N, C-alpha and C. Protein backbone atom coordinates (compact mmCIF):
# COMPACT_ATOMS: atom_id res chain seq x y z
N UNK A 1 -72.99 12.01 -72.37
CA UNK A 1 -72.54 13.31 -72.46
C UNK A 1 -72.69 14.09 -71.16
N UNK A 2 -73.67 13.79 -70.47
CA UNK A 2 -73.83 14.48 -69.21
C UNK A 2 -72.68 14.16 -68.27
N UNK A 3 -72.15 12.99 -68.42
CA UNK A 3 -71.01 12.63 -67.57
C UNK A 3 -69.79 13.47 -67.97
N UNK A 4 -69.54 13.65 -69.22
CA UNK A 4 -68.42 14.47 -69.65
C UNK A 4 -68.65 15.92 -69.27
N UNK A 5 -69.88 16.34 -69.28
CA UNK A 5 -70.16 17.70 -68.87
C UNK A 5 -69.89 17.87 -67.37
N UNK A 6 -70.28 16.90 -66.67
CA UNK A 6 -70.03 16.99 -65.22
C UNK A 6 -68.54 16.95 -64.92
N UNK A 7 -67.81 16.13 -65.66
CA UNK A 7 -66.37 16.07 -65.45
C UNK A 7 -65.73 17.38 -65.84
N UNK A 8 -66.11 17.94 -66.94
CA UNK A 8 -65.51 19.19 -67.36
C UNK A 8 -65.90 20.31 -66.42
N UNK A 9 -67.10 20.23 -65.84
CA UNK A 9 -67.50 21.28 -64.91
C UNK A 9 -66.72 21.16 -63.59
N UNK A 10 -66.39 19.93 -63.17
CA UNK A 10 -65.63 19.77 -61.94
C UNK A 10 -64.18 20.16 -62.16
N UNK A 11 -63.69 19.99 -63.41
CA UNK A 11 -62.31 20.38 -63.69
C UNK A 11 -62.17 21.89 -63.63
N UNK A 12 -63.14 22.54 -63.98
CA UNK A 12 -63.08 23.99 -63.98
C UNK A 12 -63.20 24.55 -62.56
N UNK A 13 -63.77 23.79 -61.71
CA UNK A 13 -63.97 24.30 -60.37
C UNK A 13 -62.65 24.36 -59.59
N UNK A 14 -61.66 23.51 -59.85
CA UNK A 14 -60.35 23.54 -59.19
C UNK A 14 -60.41 23.10 -57.76
N UNK A 15 -60.91 21.92 -57.50
CA UNK A 15 -61.05 21.39 -56.16
C UNK A 15 -59.72 20.92 -55.60
N UNK A 16 -59.83 20.31 -54.48
CA UNK A 16 -58.65 19.86 -53.77
C UNK A 16 -57.97 18.71 -54.49
N UNK A 17 -58.69 17.82 -55.02
CA UNK A 17 -58.11 16.65 -55.69
C UNK A 17 -58.37 16.71 -57.18
N UNK A 18 -57.86 17.68 -57.83
CA UNK A 18 -57.99 17.75 -59.29
C UNK A 18 -56.91 16.87 -59.88
N UNK A 19 -57.27 16.02 -60.76
CA UNK A 19 -56.32 15.12 -61.40
C UNK A 19 -56.04 15.60 -62.80
N UNK A 20 -55.34 16.66 -62.94
CA UNK A 20 -54.97 17.16 -64.25
C UNK A 20 -53.47 16.96 -64.43
N UNK A 21 -52.83 17.64 -65.33
CA UNK A 21 -51.43 17.41 -65.68
C UNK A 21 -50.48 17.95 -64.61
N UNK A 22 -50.95 18.77 -63.68
CA UNK A 22 -50.05 19.34 -62.67
C UNK A 22 -49.66 18.32 -61.60
N UNK A 23 -50.56 17.36 -61.34
CA UNK A 23 -50.24 16.36 -60.31
C UNK A 23 -49.05 15.51 -60.72
N UNK A 24 -48.99 14.93 -61.90
CA UNK A 24 -47.80 14.17 -62.27
C UNK A 24 -46.57 15.06 -62.36
N UNK A 25 -46.75 16.32 -62.81
CA UNK A 25 -45.62 17.24 -62.87
C UNK A 25 -45.08 17.54 -61.46
N UNK A 26 -45.96 17.74 -60.51
CA UNK A 26 -45.55 17.96 -59.13
C UNK A 26 -44.88 16.71 -58.56
N UNK A 27 -45.38 15.52 -58.90
CA UNK A 27 -44.77 14.28 -58.44
C UNK A 27 -43.38 14.13 -59.03
N UNK A 28 -43.22 14.47 -60.32
CA UNK A 28 -41.91 14.41 -60.95
C UNK A 28 -40.96 15.44 -60.32
N UNK A 29 -41.46 16.62 -60.02
CA UNK A 29 -40.63 17.62 -59.36
C UNK A 29 -40.19 17.13 -57.97
N UNK A 30 -41.14 16.55 -57.24
CA UNK A 30 -40.81 16.03 -55.92
C UNK A 30 -39.76 14.93 -56.00
N UNK A 31 -39.93 14.02 -56.96
CA UNK A 31 -38.96 12.93 -57.12
C UNK A 31 -37.60 13.48 -57.56
N UNK A 32 -37.61 14.48 -58.47
CA UNK A 32 -36.36 15.08 -58.93
C UNK A 32 -35.66 15.80 -57.77
N UNK A 33 -36.44 16.54 -56.98
CA UNK A 33 -35.87 17.22 -55.82
C UNK A 33 -35.31 16.21 -54.81
N UNK A 34 -36.06 15.13 -54.60
CA UNK A 34 -35.59 14.08 -53.68
C UNK A 34 -34.30 13.47 -54.21
N UNK A 35 -34.24 13.19 -55.50
CA UNK A 35 -33.04 12.60 -56.09
C UNK A 35 -31.86 13.56 -56.01
N UNK A 36 -32.09 14.84 -56.33
CA UNK A 36 -31.02 15.83 -56.28
C UNK A 36 -30.54 16.01 -54.83
N UNK A 37 -31.48 16.13 -53.88
CA UNK A 37 -31.09 16.26 -52.48
C UNK A 37 -30.35 15.02 -51.99
N UNK A 38 -30.81 13.87 -52.44
CA UNK A 38 -30.14 12.63 -52.05
C UNK A 38 -28.72 12.60 -52.59
N UNK A 39 -28.52 12.98 -53.83
CA UNK A 39 -27.19 12.94 -54.42
C UNK A 39 -26.28 14.04 -53.88
N UNK A 40 -26.83 15.23 -53.72
CA UNK A 40 -26.00 16.36 -53.35
C UNK A 40 -25.88 16.58 -51.84
N UNK A 41 -26.86 16.17 -51.07
CA UNK A 41 -26.83 16.49 -49.67
C UNK A 41 -26.80 15.25 -48.77
N UNK A 42 -27.77 14.39 -48.91
CA UNK A 42 -27.91 13.27 -47.97
C UNK A 42 -26.76 12.27 -48.06
N UNK A 43 -26.34 11.90 -49.27
CA UNK A 43 -25.25 10.93 -49.40
C UNK A 43 -23.93 11.49 -48.86
N UNK A 44 -23.52 12.71 -49.21
CA UNK A 44 -22.27 13.24 -48.63
C UNK A 44 -22.35 13.39 -47.10
N UNK A 45 -23.50 13.87 -46.63
CA UNK A 45 -23.64 14.04 -45.19
C UNK A 45 -23.63 12.68 -44.50
N UNK A 46 -24.35 11.72 -45.05
CA UNK A 46 -24.36 10.38 -44.45
C UNK A 46 -22.98 9.74 -44.55
N UNK A 47 -22.24 10.01 -45.65
CA UNK A 47 -20.88 9.47 -45.77
C UNK A 47 -19.97 10.10 -44.72
N UNK A 48 -20.09 11.42 -44.53
CA UNK A 48 -19.29 12.10 -43.51
C UNK A 48 -19.64 11.56 -42.12
N UNK A 49 -20.93 11.38 -41.86
CA UNK A 49 -21.33 10.83 -40.57
C UNK A 49 -20.82 9.41 -40.38
N UNK A 50 -20.84 8.62 -41.46
CA UNK A 50 -20.32 7.24 -41.38
C UNK A 50 -18.81 7.27 -41.11
N UNK A 51 -18.09 8.14 -41.83
CA UNK A 51 -16.65 8.26 -41.62
C UNK A 51 -16.34 8.70 -40.18
N UNK A 52 -17.12 9.64 -39.70
CA UNK A 52 -16.91 10.11 -38.33
C UNK A 52 -17.18 9.00 -37.32
N UNK A 53 -18.24 8.26 -37.54
CA UNK A 53 -18.55 7.14 -36.65
C UNK A 53 -17.45 6.09 -36.71
N UNK A 54 -16.94 5.84 -37.89
CA UNK A 54 -15.84 4.86 -38.04
C UNK A 54 -14.58 5.38 -37.34
N UNK A 55 -14.30 6.67 -37.48
CA UNK A 55 -13.14 7.27 -36.81
C UNK A 55 -13.28 7.16 -35.29
N UNK A 56 -14.46 7.47 -34.79
CA UNK A 56 -14.69 7.39 -33.34
C UNK A 56 -14.56 5.94 -32.87
N UNK A 57 -15.11 5.01 -33.64
CA UNK A 57 -15.03 3.60 -33.27
C UNK A 57 -13.56 3.14 -33.26
N UNK A 58 -12.79 3.55 -34.29
CA UNK A 58 -11.37 3.18 -34.33
C UNK A 58 -10.60 3.84 -33.19
N UNK A 59 -10.93 5.09 -32.92
CA UNK A 59 -10.26 5.79 -31.82
C UNK A 59 -10.55 5.11 -30.48
N UNK A 60 -11.79 4.73 -30.27
CA UNK A 60 -12.13 4.04 -29.02
C UNK A 60 -11.43 2.69 -28.92
N UNK A 61 -11.36 1.99 -30.04
CA UNK A 61 -10.69 0.69 -30.05
C UNK A 61 -9.20 0.85 -29.74
N UNK A 62 -8.57 1.82 -30.42
CA UNK A 62 -7.14 2.03 -30.17
C UNK A 62 -6.90 2.56 -28.77
N UNK A 63 -7.81 3.39 -28.27
CA UNK A 63 -7.65 3.91 -26.90
C UNK A 63 -7.79 2.78 -25.88
N UNK A 64 -8.75 1.89 -26.09
CA UNK A 64 -8.89 0.78 -25.14
C UNK A 64 -7.70 -0.16 -25.24
N UNK A 65 -7.18 -0.37 -26.45
CA UNK A 65 -5.98 -1.21 -26.60
C UNK A 65 -4.79 -0.54 -25.92
N UNK A 66 -4.66 0.76 -26.09
CA UNK A 66 -3.57 1.48 -25.43
C UNK A 66 -3.71 1.44 -23.91
N UNK A 67 -4.94 1.54 -23.44
CA UNK A 67 -5.18 1.47 -22.00
C UNK A 67 -4.81 0.10 -21.46
N UNK A 68 -5.17 -0.94 -22.17
CA UNK A 68 -4.81 -2.30 -21.75
C UNK A 68 -3.29 -2.45 -21.74
N UNK A 69 -2.65 -1.95 -22.79
CA UNK A 69 -1.19 -2.05 -22.87
C UNK A 69 -0.54 -1.24 -21.76
N UNK A 70 -1.06 -0.05 -21.49
CA UNK A 70 -0.52 0.78 -20.41
C UNK A 70 -0.69 0.09 -19.07
N UNK A 71 -1.84 -0.55 -18.86
CA UNK A 71 -2.07 -1.27 -17.62
C UNK A 71 -1.09 -2.42 -17.47
N UNK A 72 -0.86 -3.15 -18.55
CA UNK A 72 0.10 -4.26 -18.51
C UNK A 72 1.51 -3.75 -18.24
N UNK A 73 1.89 -2.65 -18.91
CA UNK A 73 3.22 -2.08 -18.68
C UNK A 73 3.37 -1.58 -17.25
N UNK A 74 2.30 -0.98 -16.73
CA UNK A 74 2.34 -0.51 -15.34
C UNK A 74 2.55 -1.67 -14.39
N UNK A 75 1.81 -2.75 -14.60
CA UNK A 75 1.98 -3.93 -13.75
C UNK A 75 3.39 -4.49 -13.88
N UNK A 76 3.89 -4.56 -15.10
CA UNK A 76 5.23 -5.08 -15.33
C UNK A 76 6.27 -4.20 -14.65
N UNK A 77 6.15 -2.87 -14.80
CA UNK A 77 7.10 -1.96 -14.18
C UNK A 77 7.02 -2.02 -12.66
N UNK A 78 5.81 -2.13 -12.12
CA UNK A 78 5.66 -2.25 -10.68
C UNK A 78 6.31 -3.54 -10.18
N UNK A 79 6.14 -4.62 -10.93
CA UNK A 79 6.76 -5.89 -10.55
C UNK A 79 8.28 -5.77 -10.61
N UNK A 80 8.80 -5.18 -11.68
CA UNK A 80 10.25 -4.99 -11.81
C UNK A 80 10.77 -4.07 -10.71
N UNK A 81 10.01 -3.04 -10.38
CA UNK A 81 10.40 -2.12 -9.32
C UNK A 81 10.46 -2.84 -7.98
N UNK A 82 9.46 -3.68 -7.72
CA UNK A 82 9.46 -4.44 -6.46
C UNK A 82 10.66 -5.39 -6.41
N UNK A 83 10.95 -6.04 -7.54
CA UNK A 83 12.10 -6.94 -7.58
C UNK A 83 13.41 -6.17 -7.37
N UNK A 84 13.52 -5.03 -8.01
CA UNK A 84 14.76 -4.26 -7.86
C UNK A 84 14.89 -3.72 -6.44
N UNK A 85 13.77 -3.38 -5.80
CA UNK A 85 13.83 -2.95 -4.41
C UNK A 85 14.29 -4.10 -3.52
N UNK A 86 13.78 -5.31 -3.78
CA UNK A 86 14.21 -6.47 -3.01
C UNK A 86 15.70 -6.72 -3.22
N UNK A 87 16.13 -6.62 -4.47
CA UNK A 87 17.56 -6.82 -4.76
C UNK A 87 18.40 -5.77 -4.05
N UNK A 88 17.93 -4.52 -4.09
CA UNK A 88 18.67 -3.44 -3.44
C UNK A 88 18.74 -3.68 -1.93
N UNK A 89 17.63 -4.12 -1.34
CA UNK A 89 17.63 -4.41 0.08
C UNK A 89 18.57 -5.56 0.40
N UNK A 90 18.58 -6.58 -0.45
CA UNK A 90 19.51 -7.70 -0.25
C UNK A 90 20.95 -7.24 -0.38
N UNK A 91 21.22 -6.39 -1.35
CA UNK A 91 22.57 -5.88 -1.54
C UNK A 91 23.00 -5.06 -0.32
N UNK A 92 22.10 -4.21 0.16
CA UNK A 92 22.40 -3.40 1.34
C UNK A 92 22.64 -4.31 2.54
N UNK A 93 21.78 -5.31 2.69
CA UNK A 93 21.92 -6.24 3.82
C UNK A 93 23.25 -6.99 3.73
N UNK A 94 23.58 -7.48 2.53
CA UNK A 94 24.85 -8.20 2.34
C UNK A 94 26.04 -7.29 2.60
N UNK A 95 25.96 -6.05 2.10
CA UNK A 95 27.09 -5.13 2.31
C UNK A 95 27.23 -4.78 3.79
N UNK A 96 26.12 -4.65 4.51
CA UNK A 96 26.20 -4.38 5.94
C UNK A 96 26.83 -5.56 6.67
N UNK A 97 26.42 -6.77 6.28
CA UNK A 97 26.99 -7.95 6.91
C UNK A 97 28.49 -8.05 6.61
N UNK A 98 28.87 -7.81 5.37
CA UNK A 98 30.29 -7.88 5.03
C UNK A 98 31.06 -6.76 5.74
N UNK A 99 30.45 -5.59 5.86
CA UNK A 99 31.11 -4.50 6.58
C UNK A 99 31.27 -4.86 8.05
N UNK A 100 30.26 -5.49 8.62
CA UNK A 100 30.36 -5.92 10.02
C UNK A 100 31.46 -6.97 10.17
N UNK A 101 31.55 -7.87 9.20
CA UNK A 101 32.61 -8.88 9.26
C UNK A 101 33.99 -8.21 9.17
N UNK A 102 34.11 -7.26 8.27
CA UNK A 102 35.39 -6.56 8.12
C UNK A 102 35.73 -5.82 9.40
N UNK A 103 34.73 -5.15 9.97
CA UNK A 103 34.96 -4.41 11.21
C UNK A 103 35.35 -5.36 12.34
N UNK A 104 34.62 -6.47 12.46
CA UNK A 104 34.96 -7.42 13.53
C UNK A 104 36.34 -8.02 13.31
N UNK A 105 36.70 -8.32 12.04
CA UNK A 105 38.05 -8.83 11.76
C UNK A 105 39.11 -7.81 12.13
N UNK A 106 38.87 -6.56 11.78
CA UNK A 106 39.84 -5.50 12.10
C UNK A 106 39.93 -5.28 13.61
N UNK A 107 38.77 -5.41 14.28
CA UNK A 107 38.81 -5.28 15.73
C UNK A 107 39.62 -6.41 16.35
N UNK A 108 39.43 -7.61 15.85
CA UNK A 108 40.19 -8.74 16.36
C UNK A 108 41.69 -8.53 16.11
N UNK A 109 41.99 -8.05 14.90
CA UNK A 109 43.40 -7.78 14.59
C UNK A 109 43.94 -6.69 15.50
N UNK A 110 43.17 -5.66 15.73
CA UNK A 110 43.60 -4.57 16.60
C UNK A 110 43.80 -5.08 18.02
N UNK A 111 42.90 -5.94 18.47
CA UNK A 111 43.04 -6.50 19.82
C UNK A 111 44.29 -7.37 19.90
N UNK A 112 44.52 -8.16 18.86
CA UNK A 112 45.73 -8.99 18.84
C UNK A 112 46.97 -8.11 18.85
N UNK A 113 46.94 -7.05 18.02
CA UNK A 113 48.09 -6.13 17.98
C UNK A 113 48.28 -5.46 19.34
N UNK A 114 47.18 -5.06 19.96
CA UNK A 114 47.27 -4.41 21.27
C UNK A 114 47.82 -5.40 22.31
N UNK A 115 47.34 -6.64 22.27
CA UNK A 115 47.84 -7.66 23.20
C UNK A 115 49.33 -7.92 22.95
N UNK A 116 49.70 -7.94 21.67
CA UNK A 116 51.11 -8.16 21.32
C UNK A 116 51.96 -7.01 21.84
N UNK A 117 51.48 -5.78 21.64
CA UNK A 117 52.21 -4.62 22.13
C UNK A 117 52.30 -4.64 23.65
N UNK A 118 51.20 -5.01 24.30
CA UNK A 118 51.22 -5.10 25.76
C UNK A 118 52.21 -6.15 26.23
N UNK A 119 52.21 -7.28 25.55
CA UNK A 119 53.14 -8.35 25.93
C UNK A 119 54.59 -7.89 25.72
N UNK A 120 54.83 -7.25 24.58
CA UNK A 120 56.19 -6.74 24.33
C UNK A 120 56.59 -5.71 25.37
N UNK A 121 55.65 -4.82 25.70
CA UNK A 121 55.93 -3.80 26.72
C UNK A 121 56.17 -4.47 28.06
N UNK A 122 55.36 -5.46 28.38
CA UNK A 122 55.54 -6.18 29.65
C UNK A 122 56.89 -6.89 29.67
N UNK A 123 57.23 -7.53 28.55
CA UNK A 123 58.51 -8.22 28.48
C UNK A 123 59.67 -7.23 28.63
N UNK A 124 59.56 -6.07 27.95
CA UNK A 124 60.63 -5.06 28.07
C UNK A 124 60.72 -4.54 29.51
N UNK A 125 59.53 -4.33 30.10
CA UNK A 125 59.55 -3.86 31.49
C UNK A 125 60.16 -4.92 32.41
N UNK A 126 59.87 -6.17 32.14
CA UNK A 126 60.44 -7.26 32.95
C UNK A 126 61.95 -7.29 32.79
N UNK A 127 62.41 -7.14 31.55
CA UNK A 127 63.86 -7.13 31.29
C UNK A 127 64.50 -5.94 31.99
N UNK A 128 63.88 -4.76 31.85
CA UNK A 128 64.42 -3.57 32.48
C UNK A 128 64.39 -3.71 34.00
N UNK A 129 63.35 -4.36 34.52
CA UNK A 129 63.25 -4.58 35.96
C UNK A 129 64.39 -5.47 36.43
N UNK A 130 64.61 -6.54 35.66
CA UNK A 130 65.69 -7.46 36.02
C UNK A 130 67.05 -6.75 35.95
N UNK A 131 67.22 -5.96 34.88
CA UNK A 131 68.48 -5.22 34.76
C UNK A 131 68.64 -4.24 35.92
N UNK A 132 67.52 -3.56 36.25
CA UNK A 132 67.57 -2.60 37.35
C UNK A 132 67.87 -3.31 38.66
N UNK A 133 67.29 -4.48 38.85
CA UNK A 133 67.55 -5.24 40.07
C UNK A 133 69.00 -5.69 40.13
N UNK A 134 69.54 -6.17 39.02
CA UNK A 134 70.95 -6.59 38.98
C UNK A 134 71.85 -5.40 39.25
N UNK A 135 71.50 -4.27 38.63
CA UNK A 135 72.29 -3.07 38.83
C UNK A 135 72.22 -2.65 40.28
N UNK A 136 71.03 -2.73 40.85
CA UNK A 136 70.86 -2.37 42.26
C UNK A 136 71.61 -3.35 43.16
N UNK A 137 71.59 -4.59 42.80
CA UNK A 137 72.30 -5.59 43.60
C UNK A 137 73.79 -5.31 43.59
N UNK A 138 74.29 -5.00 42.42
CA UNK A 138 75.72 -4.71 42.36
C UNK A 138 76.03 -3.45 43.13
N UNK A 139 75.15 -2.44 43.00
CA UNK A 139 75.39 -1.19 43.74
C UNK A 139 75.25 -1.43 45.24
N UNK A 140 74.25 -2.26 45.60
CA UNK A 140 74.07 -2.59 47.02
C UNK A 140 75.30 -3.33 47.52
N UNK A 141 75.80 -4.25 46.72
CA UNK A 141 77.01 -4.99 47.10
C UNK A 141 78.18 -4.03 47.25
N UNK A 142 78.32 -3.12 46.31
CA UNK A 142 79.42 -2.16 46.37
C UNK A 142 79.27 -1.28 47.60
N UNK A 143 78.05 -0.77 47.81
CA UNK A 143 77.81 0.10 48.96
C UNK A 143 78.01 -0.66 50.28
N UNK A 144 77.53 -1.85 50.30
CA UNK A 144 77.72 -2.63 51.54
C UNK A 144 79.20 -2.91 51.76
N UNK A 145 79.96 -3.15 50.68
CA UNK A 145 81.41 -3.34 50.80
C UNK A 145 82.06 -2.07 51.31
N UNK A 146 81.61 -0.94 50.76
CA UNK A 146 82.19 0.33 51.18
C UNK A 146 81.84 0.61 52.64
N UNK A 147 80.57 0.34 53.00
CA UNK A 147 80.16 0.56 54.38
C UNK A 147 80.95 -0.37 55.29
N UNK A 148 81.15 -1.58 54.88
CA UNK A 148 81.88 -2.55 55.68
C UNK A 148 83.33 -2.11 55.83
N UNK A 149 83.93 -1.64 54.76
CA UNK A 149 85.31 -1.17 54.83
C UNK A 149 85.42 0.06 55.75
N UNK A 150 84.46 0.94 55.59
CA UNK A 150 84.50 2.14 56.41
C UNK A 150 84.27 1.77 57.89
N UNK A 151 83.42 0.85 58.12
CA UNK A 151 83.19 0.45 59.50
C UNK A 151 84.42 -0.27 60.04
N UNK A 152 85.02 -1.03 59.26
CA UNK A 152 86.22 -1.73 59.70
C UNK A 152 87.38 -0.74 59.84
N UNK A 153 87.49 0.20 59.01
CA UNK A 153 88.54 1.20 59.09
C UNK A 153 88.26 2.15 60.24
N UNK A 154 87.06 2.37 60.50
CA UNK A 154 86.71 3.29 61.57
C UNK A 154 87.07 2.67 62.92
N UNK A 155 86.93 1.40 63.03
CA UNK A 155 87.24 0.73 64.28
C UNK A 155 88.75 0.61 64.44
N UNK A 156 89.42 0.64 63.50
CA UNK A 156 90.86 0.44 63.59
C UNK A 156 91.52 1.66 64.02
């Protein structure tokens, strides 16, 4: 009995570690609060954080894939641009060469035409010279005949 008296006297004192009905009630309240907070706050917040992390991870993955694709497209376009520049330079070079050939052909034709015109002019001048000489010869013959007649008539 003295033990029960001592226990009842310590229960009345209200010490730090009283093991009465309030301790299990407080533990149940704590567990209920933890469960309610877990259901209402922690799970939705952790789900939102998980969704956000998944979104960021997917965004980073798609961004890196897009960056790789953009890099490949850039290299491809640069290669195509270099090829088209080479083709354009070749086309320009070919057109310059063909233009030079056309110009040289036309110059040759012009020289031939000029030589032909010169030859024709020379031939015409030669013909006119010969005609002028024949005409002069006949006139000289006529004049010499007239001079001869006049000299012969003058002496008579």
